[in-house]
Protein backbone atom coordinates (compact mmCIF):
# COMPACT_ATOMS: atom_id res chain seq x y z
CA MET A 1 5.44 2.01 -77.96
CA MET A 2 6.53 2.70 -74.35
CA SER A 3 4.46 1.10 -71.62
CA ARG A 4 3.21 3.18 -68.71
CA PRO A 5 4.57 2.41 -65.25
CA ARG A 6 2.28 0.14 -63.40
CA PRO A 7 0.40 1.67 -60.42
CA LEU A 8 1.92 -0.89 -58.06
CA VAL A 9 5.44 0.10 -59.11
CA ILE A 10 4.62 3.78 -58.58
CA PHE A 11 3.21 2.97 -55.15
CA PHE A 12 6.38 1.18 -54.04
CA VAL A 13 8.62 3.93 -55.44
CA VAL A 14 6.64 6.60 -53.54
CA LEU A 15 6.68 4.42 -50.42
CA ALA A 16 10.46 4.03 -50.67
CA LEU A 17 10.92 7.78 -51.07
CA LEU A 18 8.70 8.47 -48.05
CA ALA A 19 10.52 5.85 -45.97
CA GLY A 20 13.85 7.38 -46.94
CA ALA A 21 12.65 10.88 -46.10
CA TYR A 22 11.29 9.70 -42.73
CA SER A 23 14.53 7.86 -41.95
CA GLY A 24 16.50 11.02 -42.68
CA TRP A 25 14.13 13.10 -40.55
CA TRP A 26 14.44 10.61 -37.67
CA MET A 27 18.24 10.73 -37.87
CA VAL A 28 18.15 14.55 -37.81
CA LEU A 29 15.93 14.44 -34.71
CA ALA A 30 18.22 11.89 -33.03
CA SER A 31 21.27 14.00 -33.76
CA GLY A 32 19.48 17.10 -32.48
CA LEU A 33 18.57 15.29 -29.27
CA ARG A 34 22.19 14.30 -28.65
CA ASP A 35 23.40 17.80 -29.50
CA GLY A 36 20.78 19.32 -27.21
CA VAL A 37 21.97 17.28 -24.23
CA ALA A 38 25.58 18.20 -24.99
CA ALA A 39 24.68 21.90 -25.33
CA TRP A 40 22.75 21.88 -22.03
CA ALA A 41 25.69 20.22 -20.25
CA GLY A 42 28.03 22.83 -21.75
CA GLU A 43 25.82 25.67 -20.51
CA ARG A 44 25.78 24.20 -16.99
CA ARG A 45 29.56 23.83 -16.99
CA ALA A 46 29.94 27.43 -18.13
CA LEU A 47 28.03 28.44 -14.99
CA GLY A 48 30.54 26.59 -12.83
CA HIS A 49 28.55 23.41 -12.31
CA GLU A 50 29.93 19.92 -12.83
CA VAL A 51 28.12 17.67 -15.31
CA THR A 52 29.29 14.18 -16.27
CA HIS A 53 27.60 11.27 -17.97
CA GLY A 54 28.41 7.96 -19.53
CA ASP A 55 27.53 6.74 -23.01
CA LEU A 56 24.71 8.67 -24.67
CA ASP A 57 22.67 6.46 -26.95
CA VAL A 58 19.63 7.30 -29.09
CA ALA A 59 17.58 4.38 -30.43
CA GLY A 60 13.92 3.51 -30.99
CA PHE A 61 13.66 3.80 -34.78
CA PRO A 62 11.14 4.05 -36.37
CA LEU A 63 8.35 4.82 -33.89
CA SER A 64 10.15 6.70 -31.13
CA LEU A 65 13.30 8.45 -29.99
CA ARG A 66 14.71 6.62 -26.98
CA LEU A 67 17.56 8.39 -25.21
CA ARG A 68 19.56 6.29 -22.75
CA LEU A 69 22.14 7.83 -20.49
CA GLY A 70 24.74 5.86 -18.58
CA GLU A 71 25.90 6.75 -15.08
CA ALA A 72 25.71 10.51 -14.62
CA SER A 73 26.32 13.22 -12.04
CA TYR A 74 25.41 16.85 -11.49
CA VAL A 75 27.10 19.06 -8.91
CA LEU A 76 25.56 22.48 -8.29
CA ASN A 77 28.08 25.10 -7.20
CA PRO A 78 30.93 22.69 -6.38
CA GLN A 79 32.97 25.47 -4.71
CA GLY A 80 30.29 26.49 -2.19
CA VAL A 81 26.99 25.53 -0.63
CA GLY A 82 24.95 23.50 -3.08
CA TRP A 83 24.03 19.91 -3.74
CA ALA A 84 25.20 16.99 -5.80
CA TRP A 85 23.40 14.13 -7.53
CA ARG A 86 24.99 10.95 -8.82
CA GLY A 87 22.99 8.14 -10.28
CA GLY A 88 22.67 5.08 -12.41
CA GLY A 89 21.03 4.93 -15.79
CA LEU A 90 18.29 7.23 -17.03
CA GLY A 91 16.06 6.86 -20.05
CA VAL A 92 13.75 9.24 -21.92
CA THR A 93 11.40 8.25 -24.75
CA VAL A 94 9.54 10.69 -26.99
CA SER A 95 7.43 10.22 -30.09
CA PRO A 96 8.60 12.20 -33.16
CA TRP A 97 5.03 13.32 -33.88
CA ASP A 98 4.06 14.05 -30.25
CA PRO A 99 6.91 16.01 -28.62
CA GLY A 100 4.54 17.38 -26.00
CA HIS A 101 4.72 14.13 -24.02
CA PHE A 102 7.71 12.07 -23.01
CA GLU A 103 8.21 8.96 -20.93
CA PHE A 104 11.11 8.44 -18.55
CA SER A 105 12.67 5.54 -16.66
CA ILE A 106 15.07 5.36 -13.73
CA HIS A 107 17.13 2.41 -12.63
CA GLY A 108 20.16 1.65 -10.51
CA VAL A 109 21.27 3.55 -7.41
CA HIS A 110 20.91 7.33 -7.03
CA ARG A 111 22.55 9.51 -4.37
CA LEU A 112 21.75 13.09 -3.42
CA THR A 113 24.27 14.96 -1.25
CA TYR A 114 22.97 18.09 0.45
CA ALA A 115 23.91 20.54 3.20
CA SER A 116 22.56 19.68 6.65
CA GLY A 117 21.44 22.16 9.26
CA ASP A 118 24.56 21.59 11.41
CA GLY A 119 26.89 22.82 8.69
CA GLY A 120 27.85 19.35 7.48
CA TRP A 121 26.78 17.21 4.56
CA ARG A 122 24.38 14.31 4.25
CA THR A 123 23.78 11.86 1.46
CA ALA A 124 20.36 10.38 0.72
CA THR A 125 20.24 7.16 -1.29
CA LEU A 126 17.48 5.83 -3.53
CA SER A 127 17.93 2.33 -4.88
CA MET A 128 15.78 -0.10 -6.73
CA GLY A 129 16.14 -3.63 -5.44
CA GLU A 130 16.13 -6.76 -7.55
CA GLY A 131 13.20 -6.46 -9.94
CA GLY A 132 12.58 -2.85 -8.89
CA GLU A 133 11.89 -0.12 -11.42
CA ALA A 134 10.62 3.42 -11.70
CA GLY A 135 9.19 5.32 -14.63
CA GLY A 136 6.48 7.68 -15.71
CA MET A 137 5.33 10.37 -18.11
CA VAL A 138 5.50 14.17 -18.30
CA GLY A 139 3.25 16.36 -20.43
CA LEU A 140 4.44 19.76 -21.66
CA ASP A 141 2.35 22.79 -22.54
CA GLY A 142 2.87 25.17 -25.46
CA ALA A 143 5.63 26.99 -23.58
CA GLY A 144 7.48 23.75 -22.92
CA LEU A 145 6.59 23.73 -19.19
CA PRO A 146 5.25 20.62 -17.38
CA TRP A 147 1.50 20.57 -16.78
CA ALA A 148 0.87 16.91 -16.01
CA GLY A 149 2.75 13.78 -15.17
CA PHE A 150 2.88 10.59 -13.17
CA LEU A 151 5.46 8.32 -11.57
CA ASP A 152 5.14 4.58 -10.93
CA ALA A 153 7.80 2.76 -8.92
CA GLU A 154 8.22 -0.68 -7.42
CA GLY A 155 10.80 -2.18 -5.11
CA LEU A 156 12.27 1.05 -3.72
CA GLU A 157 14.67 1.45 -0.81
CA VAL A 158 15.43 4.89 0.64
CA LYS A 159 18.01 6.10 3.15
CA LEU A 160 17.96 9.79 4.11
CA ARG A 161 21.59 9.66 5.28
CA GLU A 162 24.50 7.25 5.17
CA ASP A 163 24.09 5.95 8.73
CA GLY A 164 20.29 6.13 8.68
CA ALA A 165 17.80 3.31 8.64
CA THR A 166 16.34 2.00 5.39
CA VAL A 167 12.73 2.66 4.39
CA ALA A 168 11.38 0.15 1.88
CA LEU A 169 8.40 0.64 -0.40
CA ARG A 170 6.78 -2.10 -2.44
CA ARG A 171 4.81 0.22 -4.75
CA PHE A 172 4.52 3.97 -5.18
CA HIS A 173 2.30 5.99 -7.51
CA PHE A 174 2.26 9.78 -7.83
CA ASP A 175 0.06 11.76 -10.20
CA LEU A 176 0.11 15.53 -10.74
CA ARG A 177 -2.02 17.72 -12.96
CA LYS A 178 -2.07 21.52 -13.28
CA HIS A 179 -4.83 23.61 -14.82
CA PRO A 180 -4.76 27.25 -15.94
CA PRO A 181 -6.54 29.55 -13.42
CA GLY A 182 -10.29 29.66 -13.95
CA GLU A 183 -10.30 26.80 -16.47
CA MET A 184 -13.11 24.25 -16.22
CA VAL A 185 -11.80 20.94 -14.93
CA ASP A 186 -14.56 18.46 -15.67
CA GLY A 187 -17.23 20.39 -17.60
CA GLU A 188 -20.01 19.76 -15.07
CA ALA A 189 -20.69 23.47 -14.48
CA ALA A 190 -20.72 24.43 -18.14
CA GLY A 191 -24.29 23.41 -18.84
CA GLY A 192 -26.20 20.52 -20.29
CA ASP A 193 -23.90 20.02 -23.28
CA GLY A 194 -20.94 19.28 -20.97
CA GLU A 195 -18.59 21.53 -22.91
CA ALA A 196 -15.66 23.11 -21.08
CA GLY A 197 -16.29 26.54 -19.68
CA LEU A 198 -15.01 29.00 -17.12
CA ILE A 199 -15.71 28.99 -13.40
CA PRO A 200 -14.41 31.29 -10.67
CA ALA A 201 -10.71 30.77 -10.01
CA HIS A 202 -11.23 29.90 -6.32
CA GLU A 203 -13.64 27.09 -7.31
CA ALA A 204 -11.34 25.52 -9.92
CA ALA A 205 -8.66 22.97 -9.06
CA PHE A 206 -5.47 24.76 -10.05
CA LEU A 207 -3.35 21.78 -8.97
CA GLN A 208 -4.40 18.16 -8.42
CA VAL A 209 -2.15 15.61 -6.75
CA ALA A 210 -2.87 11.94 -6.05
CA PHE A 211 -0.62 9.40 -4.36
CA ILE A 212 -0.60 5.73 -3.39
CA LEU A 213 1.94 3.98 -1.18
CA GLU A 214 1.67 0.23 -0.71
CA GLY A 215 3.84 -1.99 1.42
CA LEU A 216 5.70 0.80 3.21
CA ARG A 217 8.18 -0.69 5.68
CA LEU A 218 9.49 1.72 8.31
CA PRO A 219 12.37 1.24 10.76
CA GLU A 220 11.03 -0.69 13.76
CA GLU A 221 12.45 1.76 16.28
CA THR A 222 10.30 4.58 14.85
CA THR A 223 6.94 2.81 14.74
CA GLN A 224 6.32 1.43 18.23
CA PRO A 225 3.78 0.34 19.34
CA PHE A 226 2.67 -0.22 15.74
CA GLY A 227 4.36 -2.76 13.52
CA PRO A 228 6.80 -1.53 10.89
CA GLU A 229 4.63 -2.50 7.89
CA VAL A 230 2.13 0.08 6.62
CA ASP A 231 -0.22 -1.67 4.21
CA LEU A 232 -1.63 1.39 2.45
CA VAL A 233 -1.48 5.18 2.42
CA GLN A 234 -3.37 7.00 -0.31
CA GLY A 235 -5.13 10.27 -0.96
CA ARG A 236 -5.89 13.14 -3.29
CA ILE A 237 -5.10 16.83 -2.79
CA ASP A 238 -6.78 19.57 -4.85
CA LEU A 239 -5.46 23.12 -4.61
CA LEU A 240 -8.36 25.45 -5.44
CA GLY A 241 -7.29 28.88 -6.57
CA ALA A 242 -3.95 29.77 -8.13
CA PRO A 243 -1.41 31.32 -5.73
CA PRO A 244 0.04 34.48 -7.29
CA ARG A 245 3.74 34.97 -7.85
CA GLY A 246 5.73 36.85 -5.25
CA PRO A 247 7.06 36.48 -1.71
CA ALA A 248 5.61 33.49 0.16
CA ARG A 249 3.72 35.49 2.80
CA ALA A 250 2.17 37.91 0.30
CA ALA A 251 1.25 35.07 -2.07
CA ALA A 252 -0.36 33.04 0.73
CA GLN A 253 -2.33 36.06 1.95
CA ALA A 254 -3.60 36.86 -1.55
CA TRP A 255 -4.54 33.21 -2.14
CA ARG A 256 -6.47 33.15 1.16
CA ASP A 257 -8.22 36.46 0.49
CA ASN A 258 -9.32 35.22 -2.94
CA GLY A 259 -11.04 32.20 -1.39
CA GLY A 260 -8.30 29.62 -1.95
CA THR A 261 -8.73 26.25 -0.24
CA VAL A 262 -7.21 22.78 -0.22
CA GLU A 263 -9.58 19.86 -0.73
CA LEU A 264 -8.53 16.49 0.70
CA GLY A 265 -10.26 13.42 -0.69
CA GLY A 266 -9.99 9.66 -0.90
CA PHE A 267 -7.65 9.48 2.07
CA ALA A 268 -7.01 5.98 3.44
CA LEU A 269 -4.55 4.53 5.94
CA ARG A 270 -4.26 0.86 6.82
CA TRP A 271 -1.65 0.09 9.42
CA ASP A 272 -1.41 -2.80 11.85
CA GLY A 273 -5.14 -3.09 12.51
CA LEU A 274 -5.81 0.63 12.15
CA ASP A 275 -8.15 1.52 9.27
CA VAL A 276 -8.77 5.21 8.59
CA SER A 277 -10.58 6.93 5.73
CA GLY A 278 -11.75 10.48 5.26
CA GLU A 279 -12.04 13.73 3.34
CA GLY A 280 -12.11 17.40 4.18
CA THR A 281 -11.13 21.00 3.45
CA LEU A 282 -8.31 23.22 4.68
CA ALA A 283 -7.69 26.95 4.36
CA LEU A 284 -5.60 29.66 6.03
CA ASP A 285 -6.89 31.74 8.93
CA GLY A 286 -6.16 35.40 9.71
CA GLU A 287 -2.70 34.46 11.01
CA LEU A 288 -1.94 32.40 7.89
CA GLN A 289 -2.18 29.17 9.90
CA PRO A 290 -4.12 26.06 8.75
CA THR A 291 -7.78 25.88 9.65
CA GLY A 292 -10.41 23.43 8.47
CA ALA A 293 -12.28 20.21 9.06
CA MET A 294 -12.13 16.61 7.92
CA THR A 295 -14.63 13.80 8.38
CA LEU A 296 -12.96 10.62 9.56
CA SER A 297 -14.06 7.02 9.71
CA VAL A 298 -11.76 5.13 12.08
CA GLN A 299 -11.50 1.54 13.15
CA GLY A 300 -8.94 0.76 15.84
CA PHE A 301 -8.93 4.29 17.30
CA GLY A 302 -7.85 2.88 20.66
CA THR A 303 -4.53 1.99 19.04
CA VAL A 304 -4.09 5.61 17.98
CA ILE A 305 -4.56 6.84 21.53
CA ASP A 306 -2.05 4.28 22.82
CA THR A 307 0.47 5.47 20.24
CA LEU A 308 0.06 9.13 21.19
CA VAL A 309 0.53 8.31 24.87
CA ALA A 310 3.56 6.09 24.21
CA LYS A 311 5.26 8.85 22.23
CA GLY A 312 4.45 11.51 24.83
CA VAL A 313 2.19 13.50 22.53
CA ILE A 314 -0.72 13.45 25.00
CA GLN A 315 -0.77 12.65 28.70
CA PRO A 316 -2.51 9.54 30.16
CA GLY A 317 -5.29 11.63 31.79
CA PRO A 318 -6.53 13.35 28.60
CA ALA A 319 -6.03 10.04 26.78
CA ALA A 320 -8.42 8.25 29.13
CA THR A 321 -10.98 11.01 28.63
CA ALA A 322 -10.59 10.78 24.86
CA ARG A 323 -10.98 6.99 24.95
CA THR A 324 -14.22 7.24 26.95
CA ILE A 325 -15.78 9.96 24.82
CA LEU A 326 -14.75 8.44 21.49
CA GLY A 327 -15.92 5.03 22.65
CA LEU A 328 -19.39 6.46 23.28
CA MET A 329 -19.37 8.06 19.82
CA ALA A 330 -18.32 4.86 17.99
CA LYS A 331 -20.78 2.37 16.54
CA THR A 332 -20.38 -1.33 15.91
CA PRO A 333 -21.00 -2.32 12.25
CA GLU A 334 -24.08 -4.46 11.55
CA ASP A 335 -21.88 -7.27 10.26
CA GLY A 336 -19.71 -7.13 13.38
CA GLY A 337 -16.09 -6.19 13.77
CA ALA A 338 -14.33 -3.39 15.60
CA PRO A 339 -16.35 -0.25 16.44
CA VAL A 340 -16.26 2.46 13.79
CA LEU A 341 -15.77 6.04 14.90
CA LYS A 342 -17.23 8.68 12.63
CA ALA A 343 -16.11 12.01 13.97
CA PRO A 344 -14.95 15.39 12.71
CA LEU A 345 -11.25 16.14 12.78
CA SER A 346 -10.73 19.90 12.98
CA VAL A 347 -7.88 22.37 13.12
CA GLN A 348 -8.42 25.75 14.79
CA LYS A 349 -5.83 28.22 16.03
CA ARG A 350 -3.04 25.62 15.70
CA LYS A 351 -4.94 23.08 17.81
CA LEU A 352 -6.04 19.66 16.57
CA PHE A 353 -9.41 18.28 17.74
CA VAL A 354 -11.19 14.98 17.22
CA GLY A 355 -14.82 15.73 17.93
CA PRO A 356 -14.81 17.88 21.08
CA VAL A 357 -11.52 16.42 22.31
CA ARG A 358 -8.37 18.49 21.95
CA LEU A 359 -5.47 16.23 21.01
CA MET A 360 -2.44 18.44 20.51
CA GLU A 361 -1.03 21.81 19.53
CA LEU A 362 0.45 22.02 16.05
CA PRO A 363 3.69 23.77 15.12
CA ALA A 364 3.30 27.17 13.51
CA LEU A 365 3.77 27.66 9.79
CA VAL A 366 6.60 30.15 9.24
CA TRP A 367 6.31 32.25 6.09
CA GLU A 368 9.67 33.65 5.02
C-alpha cells in the first residue's frame, strides 16, 4: 500500500517551485532593465547624441532591483549648441511589485557644460565631499510620468564655472508633489467624513514644493557685510491653479484670469544674527508682473538696511528714513532680545515695500 505524501513535504515542494518561479521572474526583470537602458542609449545615439557609461550592474535579489551605473556621460547635439553632462556613479532601486516608485542615489563628481551668453562655454561642477551623499525617491503615475519625489543631500560643493568660487552646503532637502487639477489635497473641504472630494481648480494646490538648506557657505566676497555662513533657509511654495499648456504669455494670462496664485509658507532665514520668518501670497497683475503681500517677522532688520546700503541698492537718505520708521514699528520681546519687526512686505507695480517704505524697484518679468 502506497503512503500519501506528507503535508510538510508538499509544502516544501510548492515553496521550492514558487521560489524557482520568482527567481526566474526576477532574472527576466533584471535582464529587461539592462536591455531597456541599452535600448534608450541606442535611441539617443540614433538622434545624434553621445551616450557612454561604464559597467552596468543589476543586483538586489530577492527584494529589489538595484541598477548601478559606472561613470557616464551624455552630450546633447555634439555638433552644435547643446549641453553635456559627465558624472560619477548613479544608482536606481525599484521594487518588483511596486514599479510606480523608485529610489535613486548619486555619488562622485558631476559636471555640466553649457553655452554661456557670450557665445562661449561654461562648466558647472557638483561634487560630494568626504562622507557626502545624495539620494531620493520619485513616484510615477499611471502614464509613467513623475508626480512626486524628494531629494536629500549632504556634504555638497558647487561651482557654477571652472574659475568660479565654491559654494558649500551641509544639508539640502527638496520635496515636490503634483496634484491633478481640481483634486482635493487634504480632504478638509469634503465634509465631515474627511473623504477626498473636488474643489475649484484655483483653490487646489496643483504643485507643492518644499525646501531646506542648512549650513550654506557662500564666497566671502559676495556676502559682505554679512558672514559667509547661512545657518538656515527653508520654505514652502504652493502653486494654486494649473497653468494651461501653450505659449508662456498666454498660459500665464489664463492662469491669472482663472484665479491662480502662489502661496508662500513656512519661510525662514537665519543668517549672521538676522532671523526672518514669514508667509504670504503672490499673483500676477494686469501687466503679468508679480503682485502680492507677505507678513514678515524680522529680528536684526538694521543689518538688512546696512547690507542694502553697502551694495548700493538703496541710498543712505532713504535708508535712514527706513531705519527710523521700522524702529518705531518694532517691539521688544517680553523675554528680552533684539526688537522684532512685524510688518507687511508687499509688491506692487514692480516696487517692493516694507510697511509704507519703498525699498527698491524690481526687474520686469519677460514673457517670451
